[in-house]
């Protein structure tokens, strides 16, 4: 895949998935849902303020005659209803609308109706960067603040499973640090070396893990060779595993705003794909995220 048009085209081959939208009374959210609906990749169930949903739908030309709307106004109640639609299998995908992340996560993690799996929830963003030769997956820029080694393993495994659903059979994973050698004074480099060992011994499967890598060595063969780094992942990374949320967030926003790269993202590790975008994200970014969730909903190696 070379861009999000390709992602949407591939999503069309999966078949229409039902998406439960929590707090759907937002113009950008409904524009994204309309675009995905018009493409035939989702059938929405809109949970939220029905009057506002109908007004916005009329304004943007969304035909709601064949779309279920569940009218609720309390954001916590909205979130629990939207999540319950997914946990009860009435919907395949969950999407966050005009509601705080903390509110919808409370519903996602609820022991009775939530989407718990026992795995760590993590965020994965997909970028198509003009000067990089393939799709790039960045994790984690939004959920896990300072993951320890075990959390990093689970975040990486989530991203690998996600990559499989996008058609990458053996994704190349770069563990990003500030230098290329394990150094006891820099714990993230030690974690990187441990993750590589886990991959070599089969604890982490379905991918190739390399690290520690500085960012340049992960995405530039020239930079890697200049430092004498010869590794299958060097300059060829499909997945960038970031050491902390700060590092991930800075890189995410640098790619999105400075590089003006196409992007989208979803939450992994739940019982179903979870589209969680920022309120500041455009309707196009939200559409791209929906398309990714449709692909991820099929799961497994492709």
C-alpha atoms as a PDB file:
ATOM      1  CA  UNK A   1       0.000   0.000   0.000  1.00  0.00           C
ATOM      2  CA  UNK A   2       1.316   3.396  -0.988  1.00  0.00           C
ATOM      3  CA  UNK A   3      -1.347   5.711   0.451  1.00  0.00           C
ATOM      4  CA  UNK A   4      -4.685   5.764   2.235  1.00  0.00           C
ATOM      5  CA  UNK A   5      -6.575   5.406  -1.047  1.00  0.00           C
ATOM      6  CA  UNK A   6      -4.997   1.956  -1.178  1.00  0.00           C
ATOM      7  CA  UNK A   7      -6.047   1.331   2.437  1.00  0.00           C
ATOM      8  CA  UNK A   8      -9.647   2.232   1.630  1.00  0.00           C
ATOM      9  CA  UNK A   9      -9.572   0.084  -1.511  1.00  0.00           C
ATOM     10  CA  UNK A  10      -8.344  -2.880   0.506  1.00  0.00           C
ATOM     11  CA  UNK A  11     -10.988  -2.224   3.179  1.00  0.00           C
ATOM     12  CA  UNK A  12     -13.658  -2.509   0.483  1.00  0.00           C
ATOM     13  CA  UNK A  13     -12.602  -6.109  -0.110  1.00  0.00           C
ATOM     14  CA  UNK A  14     -13.350  -7.054   3.506  1.00  0.00           C
ATOM     15  CA  UNK A  15     -17.090  -6.441   3.408  1.00  0.00           C
ATOM     16  CA  UNK A  16     -19.166  -3.910   5.312  1.00  0.00           C
ATOM     17  CA  UNK A  17     -18.494  -3.744   9.050  1.00  0.00           C
ATOM     18  CA  UNK A  18     -20.829  -2.265  11.645  1.00  0.00           C
ATOM     19  CA  UNK A  19     -19.308   0.650  13.556  1.00  0.00           C
ATOM     20  CA  UNK A  20     -20.659   1.931  16.874  1.00  0.00           C
ATOM     21  CA  UNK A  21     -19.961   5.664  17.185  1.00  0.00           C
ATOM     22  CA  UNK A  22     -19.949   7.092  20.714  1.00  0.00           C
ATOM     23  CA  UNK A  23     -21.074  10.736  20.903  1.00  0.00           C
ATOM     24  CA  UNK A  24     -21.611  10.968  17.159  1.00  0.00           C
ATOM     25  CA  UNK A  25     -22.973  14.531  17.371  1.00  0.00           C
ATOM     26  CA  UNK A  26     -19.895  16.142  15.802  1.00  0.00           C
ATOM     27  CA  UNK A  27     -19.465  17.419  12.259  1.00  0.00           C
ATOM     28  CA  UNK A  28     -15.989  16.004  11.551  1.00  0.00           C
ATOM     29  CA  UNK A  29     -16.954  12.639  13.035  1.00  0.00           C
ATOM     30  CA  UNK A  30     -20.114  12.457  10.932  1.00  0.00           C
ATOM     31  CA  UNK A  31     -18.253  13.602   7.800  1.00  0.00           C
ATOM     32  CA  UNK A  32     -15.819  10.715   8.302  1.00  0.00           C
ATOM     33  CA  UNK A  33     -18.654   8.276   8.978  1.00  0.00           C
ATOM     34  CA  UNK A  34     -20.481   9.544   5.862  1.00  0.00           C
ATOM     35  CA  UNK A  35     -17.386   9.048   3.710  1.00  0.00           C
ATOM     36  CA  UNK A  36     -16.864   5.511   5.059  1.00  0.00           C
ATOM     37  CA  UNK A  37     -20.576   4.746   4.667  1.00  0.00           C
ATOM     38  CA  UNK A  38     -20.573   6.061   1.098  1.00  0.00           C
ATOM     39  CA  UNK A  39     -17.530   3.876   0.346  1.00  0.00           C
ATOM     40  CA  UNK A  40     -19.499   0.879   1.614  1.00  0.00           C
ATOM     41  CA  UNK A  41     -16.955  -0.112   4.253  1.00  0.00           C
ATOM     42  CA  UNK A  42     -19.137   0.523   7.327  1.00  0.00           C
ATOM     43  CA  UNK A  43     -22.743   0.512   8.473  1.00  0.00           C
ATOM     44  CA  UNK A  44     -22.958   3.014  11.354  1.00  0.00           C
ATOM     45  CA  UNK A  45     -24.899   2.946  14.584  1.00  0.00           C
ATOM     46  CA  UNK A  46     -24.849   6.518  15.902  1.00  0.00           C
ATOM     47  CA  UNK A  47     -25.077   6.951  19.663  1.00  0.00           C
ATOM     48  CA  UNK A  48     -25.503  10.455  21.033  1.00  0.00           C
ATOM     49  CA  UNK A  49     -27.720  13.519  20.894  1.00  0.00           C
ATOM     50  CA  UNK A  50     -30.214  12.518  18.239  1.00  0.00           C
ATOM     51  CA  UNK A  51     -31.390  16.030  17.476  1.00  0.00           C
ATOM     52  CA  UNK A  52     -27.842  17.242  16.857  1.00  0.00           C
ATOM     53  CA  UNK A  53     -26.971  14.136  14.845  1.00  0.00           C
ATOM     54  CA  UNK A  54     -29.984  14.696  12.580  1.00  0.00           C
ATOM     55  CA  UNK A  55     -29.225  18.403  12.154  1.00  0.00           C
ATOM     56  CA  UNK A  56     -25.556  17.826  11.304  1.00  0.00           C
ATOM     57  CA  UNK A  57     -26.441  14.919   9.018  1.00  0.00           C
ATOM     58  CA  UNK A  58     -28.827  17.156   7.107  1.00  0.00           C
ATOM     59  CA  UNK A  59     -26.148  19.861   6.822  1.00  0.00           C
ATOM     60  CA  UNK A  60     -23.507  17.489   5.409  1.00  0.00           C
ATOM     61  CA  UNK A  61     -25.818  15.389   3.254  1.00  0.00           C
ATOM     62  CA  UNK A  62     -25.669  12.161   5.271  1.00  0.00           C
ATOM     63  CA  UNK A  63     -28.750  10.065   4.470  1.00  0.00           C
ATOM     64  CA  UNK A  64     -29.781   8.606   7.840  1.00  0.00           C
ATOM     65  CA  UNK A  65     -32.901   6.787   6.665  1.00  0.00           C
ATOM     66  CA  UNK A  66     -31.149   3.413   6.950  1.00  0.00           C
ATOM     67  CA  UNK A  67     -28.909   4.316   9.892  1.00  0.00           C
ATOM     68  CA  UNK A  68     -29.805   3.498  13.493  1.00  0.00           C
ATOM     69  CA  UNK A  69     -29.600   6.435  15.886  1.00  0.00           C
ATOM     70  CA  UNK A  70     -29.681   5.847  19.656  1.00  0.00           C
ATOM     71  CA  UNK A  71     -30.613   9.109  21.354  1.00  0.00           C
ATOM     72  CA  UNK A  72     -28.722   9.721  24.600  1.00  0.00           C
ATOM     73  CA  UNK A  73     -27.272  12.918  26.039  1.00  0.00           C
ATOM     74  CA  UNK A  74     -25.204  11.830  29.071  1.00  0.00           C
ATOM     75  CA  UNK A  75     -21.673  11.146  27.851  1.00  0.00           C
ATOM     76  CA  UNK A  76     -21.033   8.279  30.253  1.00  0.00           C
ATOM     77  CA  UNK A  77     -24.296   6.616  29.274  1.00  0.00           C
ATOM     78  CA  UNK A  78     -23.474   7.204  25.609  1.00  0.00           C
ATOM     79  CA  UNK A  79     -20.074   5.564  26.024  1.00  0.00           C
ATOM     80  CA  UNK A  80     -21.409   2.507  27.830  1.00  0.00           C
ATOM     81  CA  UNK A  81     -24.136   2.031  25.223  1.00  0.00           C
ATOM     82  CA  UNK A  82     -21.671   2.322  22.331  1.00  0.00           C
ATOM     83  CA  UNK A  83     -19.285  -0.156  23.949  1.00  0.00           C
ATOM     84  CA  UNK A  84     -22.096  -2.581  24.785  1.00  0.00           C
ATOM     85  CA  UNK A  85     -23.082  -2.667  21.118  1.00  0.00           C
ATOM     86  CA  UNK A  86     -19.601  -3.991  20.353  1.00  0.00           C
ATOM     87  CA  UNK A  87     -19.285  -6.392  23.284  1.00  0.00           C
ATOM     88  CA  UNK A  88     -22.698  -7.879  22.436  1.00  0.00           C
ATOM     89  CA  UNK A  89     -21.506  -8.368  18.817  1.00  0.00           C
ATOM     90  CA  UNK A  90     -24.090  -6.000  17.328  1.00  0.00           C
ATOM     91  CA  UNK A  91     -21.159  -3.940  16.086  1.00  0.00           C
ATOM     92  CA  UNK A  92     -17.645  -4.873  14.956  1.00  0.00           C
ATOM     93  CA  UNK A  93     -15.814  -1.599  15.604  1.00  0.00           C
ATOM     94  CA  UNK A  94     -15.959   1.132  18.254  1.00  0.00           C
ATOM     95  CA  UNK A  95     -15.332   4.789  17.428  1.00  0.00           C
ATOM     96  CA  UNK A  96     -14.841   7.720  19.787  1.00  0.00           C
ATOM     97  CA  UNK A  97     -16.734  10.860  18.874  1.00  0.00           C
ATOM     98  CA  UNK A  98     -17.262  14.037  20.900  1.00  0.00           C
ATOM     99  CA  UNK A  99     -16.401  12.515  24.277  1.00  0.00           C
ATOM    100  CA  UNK A 100     -13.315  12.652  26.480  1.00  0.00           C
ATOM    101  CA  UNK A 101     -10.976   9.688  26.128  1.00  0.00           C
ATOM    102  CA  UNK A 102     -11.103   9.005  29.875  1.00  0.00           C
ATOM    103  CA  UNK A 103     -14.898   8.641  29.745  1.00  0.00           C
ATOM    104  CA  UNK A 104     -15.002   6.159  26.884  1.00  0.00           C
ATOM    105  CA  UNK A 105     -12.022   4.216  28.259  1.00  0.00           C
ATOM    106  CA  UNK A 106     -13.954   3.698  31.481  1.00  0.00           C
ATOM    107  CA  UNK A 107     -16.603   1.907  29.434  1.00  0.00           C
ATOM    108  CA  UNK A 108     -14.052  -0.018  27.364  1.00  0.00           C
ATOM    109  CA  UNK A 109     -12.416  -1.306  30.549  1.00  0.00           C
ATOM    110  CA  UNK A 110     -15.659  -2.077  32.387  1.00  0.00           C
ATOM    111  CA  UNK A 111     -15.613  -5.651  33.686  1.00  0.00           C
ATOM    112  CA  UNK A 112     -19.216  -6.407  32.679  1.00  0.00           C
ATOM    113  CA  UNK A 113     -19.736  -4.845  29.260  1.00  0.00           C
ATOM    114  CA  UNK A 114     -16.242  -3.710  28.301  1.00  0.00           C
ATOM    115  CA  UNK A 115     -13.760  -4.933  25.728  1.00  0.00           C
ATOM    116  CA  UNK A 116     -11.029  -6.263  28.018  1.00  0.00           C
ATOM    117  CA  UNK A 117      -8.770  -9.041  26.726  1.00  0.00           C
ATOM    118  CA  UNK A 118      -6.028  -9.071  29.328  1.00  0.00           C
ATOM    119  CA  UNK A 119      -3.666  -7.425  26.850  1.00  0.00           C
ATOM    120  CA  UNK A 120      -2.261  -3.939  27.204  1.00  0.00           C
ATOM    121  CA  UNK A 121      -4.151  -1.299  25.253  1.00  0.00           C
ATOM    122  CA  UNK A 122      -1.854   0.622  22.941  1.00  0.00           C
ATOM    123  CA  UNK A 123      -2.071   3.165  20.172  1.00  0.00           C
ATOM    124  CA  UNK A 124      -0.705   2.613  16.683  1.00  0.00           C
ATOM    125  CA  UNK A 125      -0.488   5.338  14.069  1.00  0.00           C
ATOM    126  CA  UNK A 126       0.026   4.727  10.376  1.00  0.00           C
ATOM    127  CA  UNK A 127       1.886   7.266   8.264  1.00  0.00           C
ATOM    128  CA  UNK A 128       2.632   7.590   4.593  1.00  0.00           C
ATOM    129  CA  UNK A 129       5.656   9.875   4.563  1.00  0.00           C
ATOM    130  CA  UNK A 130       6.638  11.384   1.224  1.00  0.00           C
ATOM    131  CA  UNK A 131      10.353  10.691   1.667  1.00  0.00           C
ATOM    132  CA  UNK A 132      10.003   7.202   3.141  1.00  0.00           C
ATOM    133  CA  UNK A 133       9.599   4.315   0.761  1.00  0.00           C
ATOM    134  CA  UNK A 134       6.778   2.472   2.480  1.00  0.00           C
ATOM    135  CA  UNK A 135       4.028   2.621   5.075  1.00  0.00           C
ATOM    136  CA  UNK A 136       5.249   3.350   8.598  1.00  0.00           C
ATOM    137  CA  UNK A 137       3.596   2.259  11.854  1.00  0.00           C
ATOM    138  CA  UNK A 138       4.385   4.308  14.983  1.00  0.00           C
ATOM    139  CA  UNK A 139       3.639   3.048  18.485  1.00  0.00           C
ATOM    140  CA  UNK A 140       2.883   4.235  21.185  1.00  0.00           C
ATOM    141  CA  UNK A 141       2.132   7.948  20.978  1.00  0.00           C
ATOM    142  CA  UNK A 142      -1.075   8.168  22.971  1.00  0.00           C
ATOM    143  CA  UNK A 143      -1.744   5.500  25.603  1.00  0.00           C
ATOM    144  CA  UNK A 144       1.232   4.165  27.569  1.00  0.00           C
ATOM    145  CA  UNK A 145       3.245   6.830  29.358  1.00  0.00           C
ATOM    146  CA  UNK A 146       6.457   5.081  30.399  1.00  0.00           C
ATOM    147  CA  UNK A 147       6.161   1.390  29.516  1.00  0.00           C
ATOM    148  CA  UNK A 148       8.462  -1.113  31.184  1.00  0.00           C
ATOM    149  CA  UNK A 149       9.941  -4.066  29.318  1.00  0.00           C
ATOM    150  CA  UNK A 150       6.828  -6.228  29.639  1.00  0.00           C
ATOM    151  CA  UNK A 151       4.568  -3.404  28.459  1.00  0.00           C
ATOM    152  CA  UNK A 152       6.878  -2.765  25.519  1.00  0.00           C
ATOM    153  CA  UNK A 153       6.650  -6.440  24.579  1.00  0.00           C
ATOM    154  CA  UNK A 154       2.852  -6.269  24.559  1.00  0.00           C
ATOM    155  CA  UNK A 155       2.799  -2.959  22.674  1.00  0.00           C
ATOM    156  CA  UNK A 156       5.106  -4.480  20.078  1.00  0.00           C
ATOM    157  CA  UNK A 157       3.011  -7.644  19.795  1.00  0.00           C
ATOM    158  CA  UNK A 158      -0.130  -5.525  19.325  1.00  0.00           C
ATOM    159  CA  UNK A 159       1.582  -3.612  16.531  1.00  0.00           C
ATOM    160  CA  UNK A 160       2.811  -6.806  14.864  1.00  0.00           C
ATOM    161  CA  UNK A 161      -0.698  -8.284  14.877  1.00  0.00           C
ATOM    162  CA  UNK A 162      -1.977  -5.015  13.420  1.00  0.00           C
ATOM    163  CA  UNK A 163       0.708  -5.079  10.728  1.00  0.00           C
ATOM    164  CA  UNK A 164      -0.336  -8.625   9.797  1.00  0.00           C
ATOM    165  CA  UNK A 165      -3.914  -7.421   9.268  1.00  0.00           C
ATOM    166  CA  UNK A 166      -2.556  -4.771   6.894  1.00  0.00           C
ATOM    167  CA  UNK A 167      -0.824  -7.421   4.810  1.00  0.00           C
ATOM    168  CA  UNK A 168       2.702  -7.238   6.257  1.00  0.00           C
ATOM    169  CA  UNK A 169       3.567 -10.888   6.850  1.00  0.00           C
ATOM    170  CA  UNK A 170       6.876 -10.343   8.674  1.00  0.00           C
ATOM    171  CA  UNK A 171       7.075  -6.687   9.715  1.00  0.00           C
ATOM    172  CA  UNK A 172      10.472  -5.219  10.555  1.00  0.00           C
ATOM    173  CA  UNK A 173      10.342  -3.614  13.991  1.00  0.00           C
ATOM    174  CA  UNK A 174      12.845  -0.998  15.161  1.00  0.00           C
ATOM    175  CA  UNK A 175      13.139  -0.322  18.891  1.00  0.00           C
ATOM    176  CA  UNK A 176      13.917   3.387  19.015  1.00  0.00           C
ATOM    177  CA  UNK A 177      16.351   4.832  21.536  1.00  0.00           C
ATOM    178  CA  UNK A 178      18.857   7.694  21.663  1.00  0.00           C
ATOM    179  CA  UNK A 179      21.838   5.513  20.710  1.00  0.00           C
ATOM    180  CA  UNK A 180      22.610   2.229  19.001  1.00  0.00           C
ATOM    181  CA  UNK A 181      24.313   0.247  21.765  1.00  0.00           C
ATOM    182  CA  UNK A 182      22.964  -1.147  25.011  1.00  0.00           C
ATOM    183  CA  UNK A 183      24.115   1.046  27.867  1.00  0.00           C
ATOM    184  CA  UNK A 184      23.207   0.392  31.507  1.00  0.00           C
ATOM    185  CA  UNK A 185      22.952   4.136  32.116  1.00  0.00           C
ATOM    186  CA  UNK A 186      20.204   4.321  29.461  1.00  0.00           C
ATOM    187  CA  UNK A 187      17.533   1.758  30.446  1.00  0.00           C
ATOM    188  CA  UNK A 188      15.613   1.979  27.170  1.00  0.00           C
ATOM    189  CA  UNK A 189      18.639   0.660  25.284  1.00  0.00           C
ATOM    190  CA  UNK A 190      18.795  -2.309  27.641  1.00  0.00           C
ATOM    191  CA  UNK A 191      15.081  -2.969  27.060  1.00  0.00           C
ATOM    192  CA  UNK A 192      15.723  -2.829  23.317  1.00  0.00           C
ATOM    193  CA  UNK A 193      18.421  -5.490  23.540  1.00  0.00           C
ATOM    194  CA  UNK A 194      16.070  -7.673  25.604  1.00  0.00           C
ATOM    195  CA  UNK A 195      13.279  -7.323  23.036  1.00  0.00           C
ATOM    196  CA  UNK A 196      15.685  -8.408  20.310  1.00  0.00           C
ATOM    197  CA  UNK A 197      16.563 -11.493  22.373  1.00  0.00           C
ATOM    198  CA  UNK A 198      12.861 -12.262  22.855  1.00  0.00           C
ATOM    199  CA  UNK A 199      12.446 -12.166  19.092  1.00  0.00           C
ATOM    200  CA  UNK A 200      15.487 -14.363  18.485  1.00  0.00           C
ATOM    201  CA  UNK A 201      14.255 -16.970  20.997  1.00  0.00           C
ATOM    202  CA  UNK A 202      10.687 -16.989  19.654  1.00  0.00           C
ATOM    203  CA  UNK A 203       9.003 -15.251  22.596  1.00  0.00           C
ATOM    204  CA  UNK A 204       8.032 -12.459  20.205  1.00  0.00           C
ATOM    205  CA  UNK A 205       7.102 -13.991  16.861  1.00  0.00           C
ATOM    206  CA  UNK A 206       5.804 -13.029  13.457  1.00  0.00           C
ATOM    207  CA  UNK A 207       8.325 -10.240  12.922  1.00  0.00           C
ATOM    208  CA  UNK A 208      11.978  -9.226  12.906  1.00  0.00           C
ATOM    209  CA  UNK A 209      13.075  -6.993  15.786  1.00  0.00           C
ATOM    210  CA  UNK A 210      16.161  -4.786  15.699  1.00  0.00           C
ATOM    211  CA  UNK A 211      17.608  -2.356  18.204  1.00  0.00           C
ATOM    212  CA  UNK A 212      18.534  -0.319  19.921  1.00  0.00           C
ATOM    213  CA  UNK A 213      18.317   2.033  16.960  1.00  0.00           C
ATOM    214  CA  UNK A 214      18.426   5.798  16.832  1.00  0.00           C
ATOM    215  CA  UNK A 215      15.674   7.003  14.527  1.00  0.00           C
ATOM    216  CA  UNK A 216      17.992   7.722  11.609  1.00  0.00           C
ATOM    217  CA  UNK A 217      19.380   4.173  11.579  1.00  0.00           C
ATOM    218  CA  UNK A 218      15.872   2.715  11.584  1.00  0.00           C
ATOM    219  CA  UNK A 219      14.655   4.620   8.524  1.00  0.00           C
ATOM    220  CA  UNK A 220      17.842   5.349   6.548  1.00  0.00           C
ATOM    221  CA  UNK A 221      20.135   2.634   5.192  1.00  0.00           C
ATOM    222  CA  UNK A 222      22.724   5.291   4.445  1.00  0.00           C
ATOM    223  CA  UNK A 223      22.762   6.483   8.065  1.00  0.00           C
ATOM    224  CA  UNK A 224      22.941   2.907   9.341  1.00  0.00           C
ATOM    225  CA  UNK A 225      25.848   1.953   7.064  1.00  0.00           C
ATOM    226  CA  UNK A 226      27.665   5.149   8.018  1.00  0.00           C
ATOM    227  CA  UNK A 227      27.640   3.859  11.606  1.00  0.00           C
ATOM    228  CA  UNK A 228      28.518   0.318  10.571  1.00  0.00           C
ATOM    229  CA  UNK A 229      25.076  -1.063  11.351  1.00  0.00           C
ATOM    230  CA  UNK A 230      24.148  -4.036   9.196  1.00  0.00           C
ATOM    231  CA  UNK A 231      20.776  -5.501  10.145  1.00  0.00           C
ATOM    232  CA  UNK A 232      17.608  -6.476   8.204  1.00  0.00           C
ATOM    233  CA  UNK A 233      15.641  -3.772  10.024  1.00  0.00           C
ATOM    234  CA  UNK A 234      18.172  -0.952   9.524  1.00  0.00           C
ATOM    235  CA  UNK A 235      16.740   1.551   7.063  1.00  0.00           C
ATOM    236  CA  UNK A 236      13.758  -0.743   6.445  1.00  0.00           C
ATOM    237  CA  UNK A 237      11.577  -0.375   9.543  1.00  0.00           C
ATOM    238  CA  UNK A 238       7.853  -1.034   9.191  1.00  0.00           C
ATOM    239  CA  UNK A 239       7.189  -0.457  12.892  1.00  0.00           C
ATOM    240  CA  UNK A 240       8.830   2.107  15.180  1.00  0.00           C
ATOM    241  CA  UNK A 241       8.505   1.178  18.853  1.00  0.00           C
ATOM    242  CA  UNK A 242       9.044   4.382  20.821  1.00  0.00           C
ATOM    243  CA  UNK A 243      10.519   4.407  24.349  1.00  0.00           C
ATOM    244  CA  UNK A 244       8.001   6.781  25.982  1.00  0.00           C
ATOM    245  CA  UNK A 245       4.783   8.601  25.201  1.00  0.00           C
ATOM    246  CA  UNK A 246       6.707  11.897  24.955  1.00  0.00           C
ATOM    247  CA  UNK A 247       9.006  10.543  22.262  1.00  0.00           C
ATOM    248  CA  UNK A 248       6.107   8.971  20.412  1.00  0.00           C
ATOM    249  CA  UNK A 249       3.934  12.064  20.643  1.00  0.00           C
ATOM    250  CA  UNK A 250       6.683  14.396  19.424  1.00  0.00           C
ATOM    251  CA  UNK A 251       7.459  12.184  16.432  1.00  0.00           C
ATOM    252  CA  UNK A 252       3.752  11.729  15.647  1.00  0.00           C
ATOM    253  CA  UNK A 253       3.103  15.466  15.597  1.00  0.00           C
ATOM    254  CA  UNK A 254       6.325  16.201  13.737  1.00  0.00           C
ATOM    255  CA  UNK A 255       5.268  13.845  10.951  1.00  0.00           C
ATOM    256  CA  UNK A 256       1.687  15.119  10.947  1.00  0.00           C
ATOM    257  CA  UNK A 257       2.344  18.861  11.120  1.00  0.00           C
ATOM    258  CA  UNK A 258       5.890  19.531   9.909  1.00  0.00           C
ATOM    259  CA  UNK A 259       6.065  16.801   7.284  1.00  0.00           C
ATOM    260  CA  UNK A 260       2.335  17.091   6.459  1.00  0.00           C
ATOM    261  CA  UNK A 261       2.166  13.310   6.181  1.00  0.00           C
ATOM    262  CA  UNK A 262      -1.068  11.380   5.750  1.00  0.00           C
ATOM    263  CA  UNK A 263      -1.904   9.689   9.033  1.00  0.00           C
ATOM    264  CA  UNK A 264      -4.439   7.649  10.934  1.00  0.00           C
ATOM    265  CA  UNK A 265      -4.487   5.604  14.121  1.00  0.00           C
ATOM    266  CA  UNK A 266      -6.406   3.131  16.241  1.00  0.00           C
ATOM    267  CA  UNK A 267      -6.269   1.541  19.683  1.00  0.00           C
ATOM    268  CA  UNK A 268      -5.060  -2.057  19.779  1.00  0.00           C
ATOM    269  CA  UNK A 269      -5.357  -4.765  22.439  1.00  0.00           C
ATOM    270  CA  UNK A 270      -9.124  -4.541  22.969  1.00  0.00           C
ATOM    271  CA  UNK A 271     -11.598  -7.216  21.913  1.00  0.00           C
ATOM    272  CA  UNK A 272     -12.430  -5.157  18.802  1.00  0.00           C
ATOM    273  CA  UNK A 273     -10.785  -2.355  16.829  1.00  0.00           C
ATOM    274  CA  UNK A 274     -11.215   1.000  18.550  1.00  0.00           C
ATOM    275  CA  UNK A 275     -10.996   4.228  16.541  1.00  0.00           C
ATOM    276  CA  UNK A 276      -9.719   6.846  18.955  1.00  0.00           C
ATOM    277  CA  UNK A 277      -8.735  10.088  17.275  1.00  0.00           C
ATOM    278  CA  UNK A 278      -8.116  13.562  18.605  1.00  0.00           C
ATOM    279  CA  UNK A 279     -10.878  16.129  18.396  1.00  0.00           C
ATOM    280  CA  UNK A 280      -8.385  18.201  16.403  1.00  0.00           C
ATOM    281  CA  UNK A 281      -7.944  15.470  13.778  1.00  0.00           C
ATOM    282  CA  UNK A 282      -9.591  16.180  10.426  1.00  0.00           C
ATOM    283  CA  UNK A 283     -12.485  14.222   9.018  1.00  0.00           C
ATOM    284  CA  UNK A 284     -10.037  12.766   6.467  1.00  0.00           C
ATOM    285  CA  UNK A 285      -7.779  11.457   9.232  1.00  0.00           C
ATOM    286  CA  UNK A 286     -10.830   9.979  10.950  1.00  0.00           C
ATOM    287  CA  UNK A 287     -11.918   8.301   7.693  1.00  0.00           C
ATOM    288  CA  UNK A 288      -8.450   6.819   7.294  1.00  0.00           C
ATOM    289  CA  UNK A 289      -8.641   5.507  10.857  1.00  0.00           C
ATOM    290  CA  UNK A 290     -12.005   3.885  10.157  1.00  0.00           C
ATOM    291  CA  UNK A 291     -10.543   2.173   7.092  1.00  0.00           C
ATOM    292  CA  UNK A 292      -7.647   0.836   9.182  1.00  0.00           C
ATOM    293  CA  UNK A 293     -10.096  -0.486  11.765  1.00  0.00           C
ATOM    294  CA  UNK A 294     -12.020  -2.330   9.049  1.00  0.00           C
ATOM    295  CA  UNK A 295      -8.809  -4.032   7.925  1.00  0.00           C
ATOM    296  CA  UNK A 296      -7.811  -4.840  11.498  1.00  0.00           C
ATOM    297  CA  UNK A 297     -11.224  -6.316  12.241  1.00  0.00           C
ATOM    298  CA  UNK A 298     -10.377  -9.326  10.073  1.00  0.00           C
ATOM    299  CA  UNK A 299      -7.371 -10.075  12.300  1.00  0.00           C
ATOM    300  CA  UNK A 300      -4.662 -12.684  11.831  1.00  0.00           C
ATOM    301  CA  UNK A 301      -1.931 -13.000   9.262  1.00  0.00           C
ATOM    302  CA  UNK A 302      -2.981 -11.991   5.774  1.00  0.00           C
END
